[in-house]
C-alpha atoms as a PDB file:
ATOM      1  CA  UNK A   1     118.903  95.280  81.966  1.00  0.00           C
ATOM      2  CA  UNK A   2     119.204  91.844  82.234  1.00  0.00           C
ATOM      3  CA  UNK A   3     116.934  92.406  86.101  1.00  0.00           C
ATOM      4  CA  UNK A   4     114.661  94.057  84.153  1.00  0.00           C
ATOM      5  CA  UNK A   5     113.562  91.409  81.654  1.00  0.00           C
ATOM      6  CA  UNK A   6     113.754  88.671  84.710  1.00  0.00           C
ATOM      7  CA  UNK A   7     111.138  90.873  86.404  1.00  0.00           C
ATOM      8  CA  UNK A   8     109.087  91.232  83.783  1.00  0.00           C
ATOM      9  CA  UNK A   9     109.275  87.249  82.725  1.00  0.00           C
ATOM     10  CA  UNK A  10     108.147  86.821  86.329  1.00  0.00           C
ATOM     11  CA  UNK A  11     105.005  89.574  86.020  1.00  0.00           C
ATOM     12  CA  UNK A  12     104.005  87.489  83.066  1.00  0.00           C
ATOM     13  CA  UNK A  13     104.155  84.063  84.431  1.00  0.00           C
ATOM     14  CA  UNK A  14     102.190  85.751  87.862  1.00  0.00           C
ATOM     15  CA  UNK A  15      99.106  86.661  86.187  1.00  0.00           C
ATOM     16  CA  UNK A  16      99.532  83.732  83.185  1.00  0.00           C
ATOM     17  CA  UNK A  17      96.067  81.682  83.015  1.00  0.00           C
ATOM     18  CA  UNK A  18      97.532  78.353  84.690  1.00  0.00           C
ATOM     19  CA  UNK A  19      96.179  74.784  84.229  1.00  0.00           C
ATOM     20  CA  UNK A  20      93.425  74.128  86.578  1.00  0.00           C
ATOM     21  CA  UNK A  21      91.352  70.301  87.036  1.00  0.00           C
ATOM     22  CA  UNK A  22      87.802  71.070  85.556  1.00  0.00           C
ATOM     23  CA  UNK A  23      85.045  72.296  87.932  1.00  0.00           C
ATOM     24  CA  UNK A  24      82.938  69.670  89.078  1.00  0.00           C
ATOM     25  CA  UNK A  25      79.874  72.164  89.802  1.00  0.00           C
ATOM     26  CA  UNK A  26      80.473  74.288  86.810  1.00  0.00           C
ATOM     27  CA  UNK A  27      80.815  70.581  84.711  1.00  0.00           C
ATOM     28  CA  UNK A  28      77.831  69.714  86.399  1.00  0.00           C
ATOM     29  CA  UNK A  29      75.664  73.021  85.652  1.00  0.00           C
ATOM     30  CA  UNK A  30      76.947  72.929  81.902  1.00  0.00           C
ATOM     31  CA  UNK A  31      75.497  69.226  81.602  1.00  0.00           C
ATOM     32  CA  UNK A  32      72.285  69.820  82.733  1.00  0.00           C
ATOM     33  CA  UNK A  33      71.358  73.275  80.530  1.00  0.00           C
ATOM     34  CA  UNK A  34      72.828  70.947  77.643  1.00  0.00           C
ATOM     35  CA  UNK A  35      70.634  68.308  78.908  1.00  0.00           C
ATOM     36  CA  UNK A  36      67.439  70.442  79.540  1.00  0.00           C
ATOM     37  CA  UNK A  37      68.270  72.255  75.945  1.00  0.00           C
ATOM     38  CA  UNK A  38      68.065  68.286  74.370  1.00  0.00           C
ATOM     39  CA  UNK A  39      64.737  68.276  75.872  1.00  0.00           C
ATOM     40  CA  UNK A  40      63.590  71.717  75.084  1.00  0.00           C
ATOM     41  CA  UNK A  41      64.303  70.900  71.473  1.00  0.00           C
ATOM     42  CA  UNK A  42      62.907  67.404  71.372  1.00  0.00           C
ATOM     43  CA  UNK A  43      66.393  65.580  70.771  1.00  0.00           C
ATOM     44  CA  UNK A  44      66.491  62.577  72.314  1.00  0.00           C
ATOM     45  CA  UNK A  45      69.464  61.061  71.017  1.00  0.00           C
ATOM     46  CA  UNK A  46      71.395  64.216  72.834  1.00  0.00           C
ATOM     47  CA  UNK A  47      68.658  63.905  76.360  1.00  0.00           C
ATOM     48  CA  UNK A  48      70.153  60.821  76.188  1.00  0.00           C
ATOM     49  CA  UNK A  49      73.342  60.708  75.477  1.00  0.00           C
ATOM     50  CA  UNK A  50      73.777  62.954  79.322  1.00  0.00           C
ATOM     51  CA  UNK A  51      72.688  60.017  81.115  1.00  0.00           C
ATOM     52  CA  UNK A  52      74.568  57.776  83.476  1.00  0.00           C
ATOM     53  CA  UNK A  53      75.223  53.954  82.666  1.00  0.00           C
ATOM     54  CA  UNK A  54      73.590  53.065  85.790  1.00  0.00           C
ATOM     55  CA  UNK A  55      70.552  55.805  84.169  1.00  0.00           C
ATOM     56  CA  UNK A  56      71.481  53.653  80.510  1.00  0.00           C
ATOM     57  CA  UNK A  57      70.725  50.377  82.189  1.00  0.00           C
ATOM     58  CA  UNK A  58      67.431  50.668  83.150  1.00  0.00           C
ATOM     59  CA  UNK A  59      66.240  52.550  80.163  1.00  0.00           C
ATOM     60  CA  UNK A  60      68.499  50.903  77.879  1.00  0.00           C
ATOM     61  CA  UNK A  61      67.519  53.065  74.117  1.00  0.00           C
ATOM     62  CA  UNK A  62      66.617  56.947  73.691  1.00  0.00           C
ATOM     63  CA  UNK A  63      63.233  56.946  73.233  1.00  0.00           C
ATOM     64  CA  UNK A  64      62.358  54.879  76.410  1.00  0.00           C
ATOM     65  CA  UNK A  65      64.281  57.253  78.538  1.00  0.00           C
ATOM     66  CA  UNK A  66      62.767  60.252  76.253  1.00  0.00           C
ATOM     67  CA  UNK A  67      58.929  58.977  76.856  1.00  0.00           C
ATOM     68  CA  UNK A  68      60.017  58.502  80.714  1.00  0.00           C
ATOM     69  CA  UNK A  69      61.374  61.717  81.302  1.00  0.00           C
ATOM     70  CA  UNK A  70      58.313  63.358  79.950  1.00  0.00           C
ATOM     71  CA  UNK A  71      56.226  61.113  81.356  1.00  0.00           C
ATOM     72  CA  UNK A  72      57.356  61.688  85.300  1.00  0.00           C
ATOM     73  CA  UNK A  73      59.700  64.778  84.805  1.00  0.00           C
ATOM     74  CA  UNK A  74      57.680  67.259  83.344  1.00  0.00           C
ATOM     75  CA  UNK A  75      59.372  70.549  84.996  1.00  0.00           C
ATOM     76  CA  UNK A  76      62.458  69.017  83.634  1.00  0.00           C
ATOM     77  CA  UNK A  77      61.307  68.325  80.426  1.00  0.00           C
ATOM     78  CA  UNK A  78      59.997  71.385  79.479  1.00  0.00           C
ATOM     79  CA  UNK A  79      60.798  73.866  82.617  1.00  0.00           C
ATOM     80  CA  UNK A  80      58.919  77.873  81.694  1.00  0.00           C
ATOM     81  CA  UNK A  81      62.304  78.805  83.822  1.00  0.00           C
ATOM     82  CA  UNK A  82      64.904  77.598  85.666  1.00  0.00           C
ATOM     83  CA  UNK A  83      67.822  78.966  88.042  1.00  0.00           C
ATOM     84  CA  UNK A  84      70.706  76.799  89.802  1.00  0.00           C
ATOM     85  CA  UNK A  85      70.530  76.815  93.665  1.00  0.00           C
ATOM     86  CA  UNK A  86      72.757  75.291  95.901  1.00  0.00           C
ATOM     87  CA  UNK A  87      75.047  72.817  95.128  1.00  0.00           C
ATOM     88  CA  UNK A  88      77.839  70.645  96.601  1.00  0.00           C
ATOM     89  CA  UNK A  89      80.661  68.550  95.313  1.00  0.00           C
ATOM     90  CA  UNK A  90      81.961  65.588  97.298  1.00  0.00           C
ATOM     91  CA  UNK A  91      85.037  63.077  97.014  1.00  0.00           C
ATOM     92  CA  UNK A  92      86.986  65.704  95.644  1.00  0.00           C
ATOM     93  CA  UNK A  93      84.490  65.903  92.579  1.00  0.00           C
ATOM     94  CA  UNK A  94      83.797  62.585  92.072  1.00  0.00           C
ATOM     95  CA  UNK A  95      79.831  62.970  92.956  1.00  0.00           C
ATOM     96  CA  UNK A  96      78.141  66.578  92.398  1.00  0.00           C
ATOM     97  CA  UNK A  97      74.855  67.484  93.711  1.00  0.00           C
ATOM     98  CA  UNK A  98      73.123  70.303  92.116  1.00  0.00           C
ATOM     99  CA  UNK A  99      69.849  72.006  92.871  1.00  0.00           C
ATOM    100  CA  UNK A 100      68.104  73.862  90.014  1.00  0.00           C
ATOM    101  CA  UNK A 101      64.859  75.784  90.893  1.00  0.00           C
ATOM    102  CA  UNK A 102      62.223  75.600  88.411  1.00  0.00           C
ATOM    103  CA  UNK A 103      58.954  77.068  87.669  1.00  0.00           C
ATOM    104  CA  UNK A 104      56.965  75.008  84.983  1.00  0.00           C
ATOM    105  CA  UNK A 105      55.003  76.117  82.068  1.00  0.00           C
ATOM    106  CA  UNK A 106      51.885  75.494  84.212  1.00  0.00           C
ATOM    107  CA  UNK A 107      53.470  78.257  86.868  1.00  0.00           C
ATOM    108  CA  UNK A 108      54.351  75.361  89.379  1.00  0.00           C
ATOM    109  CA  UNK A 109      57.058  76.006  91.573  1.00  0.00           C
ATOM    110  CA  UNK A 110      60.010  72.759  91.516  1.00  0.00           C
ATOM    111  CA  UNK A 111      63.419  71.917  92.693  1.00  0.00           C
ATOM    112  CA  UNK A 112      65.282  68.854  91.368  1.00  0.00           C
ATOM    113  CA  UNK A 113      68.241  67.769  92.648  1.00  0.00           C
ATOM    114  CA  UNK A 114      70.404  66.261  89.987  1.00  0.00           C
ATOM    115  CA  UNK A 115      73.211  63.973  90.830  1.00  0.00           C
ATOM    116  CA  UNK A 116      76.337  64.539  88.830  1.00  0.00           C
ATOM    117  CA  UNK A 117      78.835  61.714  88.395  1.00  0.00           C
ATOM    118  CA  UNK A 118      82.600  61.656  87.589  1.00  0.00           C
ATOM    119  CA  UNK A 119      83.015  58.382  84.851  1.00  0.00           C
ATOM    120  CA  UNK A 120      86.886  56.674  84.285  1.00  0.00           C
ATOM    121  CA  UNK A 121      86.958  59.169  81.457  1.00  0.00           C
ATOM    122  CA  UNK A 122      87.020  62.132  83.527  1.00  0.00           C
ATOM    123  CA  UNK A 123      83.639  63.301  82.204  1.00  0.00           C
ATOM    124  CA  UNK A 124      80.142  63.999  84.125  1.00  0.00           C
ATOM    125  CA  UNK A 125      77.148  62.698  83.751  1.00  0.00           C
ATOM    126  CA  UNK A 126      73.445  62.466  85.389  1.00  0.00           C
ATOM    127  CA  UNK A 127      73.181  59.552  87.433  1.00  0.00           C
ATOM    128  CA  UNK A 128      69.339  60.690  88.383  1.00  0.00           C
ATOM    129  CA  UNK A 129      66.939  63.313  89.356  1.00  0.00           C
ATOM    130  CA  UNK A 130      65.075  64.122  92.310  1.00  0.00           C
ATOM    131  CA  UNK A 131      61.675  66.080  92.163  1.00  0.00           C
ATOM    132  CA  UNK A 132      60.210  68.413  94.872  1.00  0.00           C
ATOM    133  CA  UNK A 133      57.149  69.999  94.702  1.00  0.00           C
ATOM    134  CA  UNK A 134      56.751  73.492  95.828  1.00  0.00           C
ATOM    135  CA  UNK A 135      60.260  73.682  97.574  1.00  0.00           C
ATOM    136  CA  UNK A 136      62.689  76.607  98.651  1.00  0.00           C
ATOM    137  CA  UNK A 137      66.009  76.731  98.381  1.00  0.00           C
ATOM    138  CA  UNK A 138      67.028  74.286 100.935  1.00  0.00           C
ATOM    139  CA  UNK A 139      67.211  70.721  99.503  1.00  0.00           C
ATOM    140  CA  UNK A 140      71.094  70.342  99.647  1.00  0.00           C
END
């Protein structure tokens, strides 16, 4: 009986969820989705909260940041549709490059390449976005 209990215990341990490190790519994708959602809801404070310190140094308040994105990154600001493309995690997840394939409200296609960086507290922030017009999934 004791051997049966031990065997059952081992099987339970084998299938029990284990604590694993945060997946950098999934974290990056979640961050991007949350920022795009903030843009779609015209929530400047939330959108700004996802920016890395270097971006915040260039745009020291949410309104300046929001106006810059609205003017220069319209496909990201209000995408018609988007999907994640290729991704690359480097330096054990310290930096993630994530491709986002976007169809704008004007039906033009874009590729946005996000650079996501892990912060000292372990969180991820958006450190930059490059927008490329009319491209296919080949940017990363």
